[in-house]
Every structure is written in structure tokens, then in C-alpha cells.
């Protein structure tokens, strides 16, 4: 993991404190296509939108949440490696790893709309207010203008006294951005205003590494439904999608009676 620097002196900066770690509670498990190399997740109601990767098998899918059945699928051309995904209005935006291209699709039909080009690698993507936030595997998040992907500012992410690299899939949860860390069974909760880590979420118990089909079958994929307050996670080639609960989740927009 990362070196932890304890805050023993009153003069120490707040970013040098050791962050709290929450262990997620599993609420439910749903079927998930084990052939899906998951790179991005979005949930809305009972519908899951998923971006999958690998050259030659990348896709964008609409999936029934309860059954895991793929309802619609668009396969990317073989030269593209699908990555992060977000929904903006009635559109889905899917980025690619090294192709430097983002594809815009109609969210209902998966009809292709347009391509947006950008600099650098694409790993994770989320909508944050009127903007998008993209990761590239480094410790820096880019805040983007959604129509052009013009970089508006950069957020340097730190936790436990050091920069956190390998930021991967992203999800906006309340006023925070949550990030998968590549090859770690952890989610980092980030304050996007400062880049400071708020806390860790431990997911190592969901699908232990000794049961996974290969070394790259890592935790990757976070989807949050703010209306119902439901949170889902999965991984690359995982056979299940998990609904989880943590104390740090905000109150849902629509509370249960």
C-alpha cells in the first residue's frame, strides 16, 4: 500500500494525516458478464451502462441491473481500447486509453453521435457539475469542458502524506469524487476542490485475488445512483456486480417511506 505519515504535531498539515478506512458492507450481488473487461460504469434506475476494454473486444453496453443481461451493445473497432464512461443528459461519453478519442452516443439507442479528441491517455471519467473530470493513470485529475475536452484545471490528488498515482475509474458521489486505484482493492474518496483524500473504502473481501481468473482481473467500476442512494462496484472479468453500503454515502435524494 502507501506509506502512512502520522500527524503527531499540531503544526502538521492536514494532508499528512492518516485517512480513515471503511470496510464496505455487501447489500446484494447481481450477475455480471465475466467476459466484460469493465472500465466504466453508470447506473440510472434499473439500467446499467458499461464500458469494456481490451483491443479487439471493447464495447459499450446497456445492461439490465438485476439479471446482468446485455440489452444493447456497440462494439468498438479493433484499434480502440475502451475506458471510462459517464452520462451527460441523454448522451453517454466513452473515452479510450491511448487513442485520444472520446465517443458520444445516444444513451437510449447507443447511436453514435460524434468524436471528441483530447491529449494524453484516458482512464476514468465522471461528470462533476457542469464539467467532466478525467483520470489518466497519474496522480492528477483533469477538469474538462464537456463539449471540447478543453482542460480547465488540474487537481493533484494526495492521501496519507503523498501523491496517489494510478487513479483509474471515477464516480461523483455527493460533493466528492471516488476513484478506483489500479491494482488495489481500494476506493479513494477525494475532495475535488483541493485534491485531498478524505478516506479509503476497503473492498478486498468482495472477490478475493486468489479466486480471480488472471492478474488483471482487478477491482474497477463504480456506479452511484443519487436518487435512490445505491452504490455498485465490480471489476474486470468479475462474475458479479455488488451493491455495497458504506457510512460515508450521502442521503438519497428520494428517501424510502
Foldseek 3Di string as FASTA:
>chain_A
DDDFADDPDPPDDPQQHAAAEAEWAFPDKAFAFLQFQFAEWADDVQWIWTWGFDQPFTKIFIAGNHHNHTPDIDGDHRVWTWHAWEDDVQWIWIFTFAPQKIWIAGNPHRHTDDIAGDDATFFEWYDDVQWIWTARQQQKIFTARVVHRPGPDIARAGHSRGRQGQFGYWYDAPQWIWTDRQQAQKIWTARRVHNRTNHIYGHCPVQDPVRDPDSRFDWHYWYAHQQAQWIWTGTGSGRIITIIDTPPHDDHVDDDD
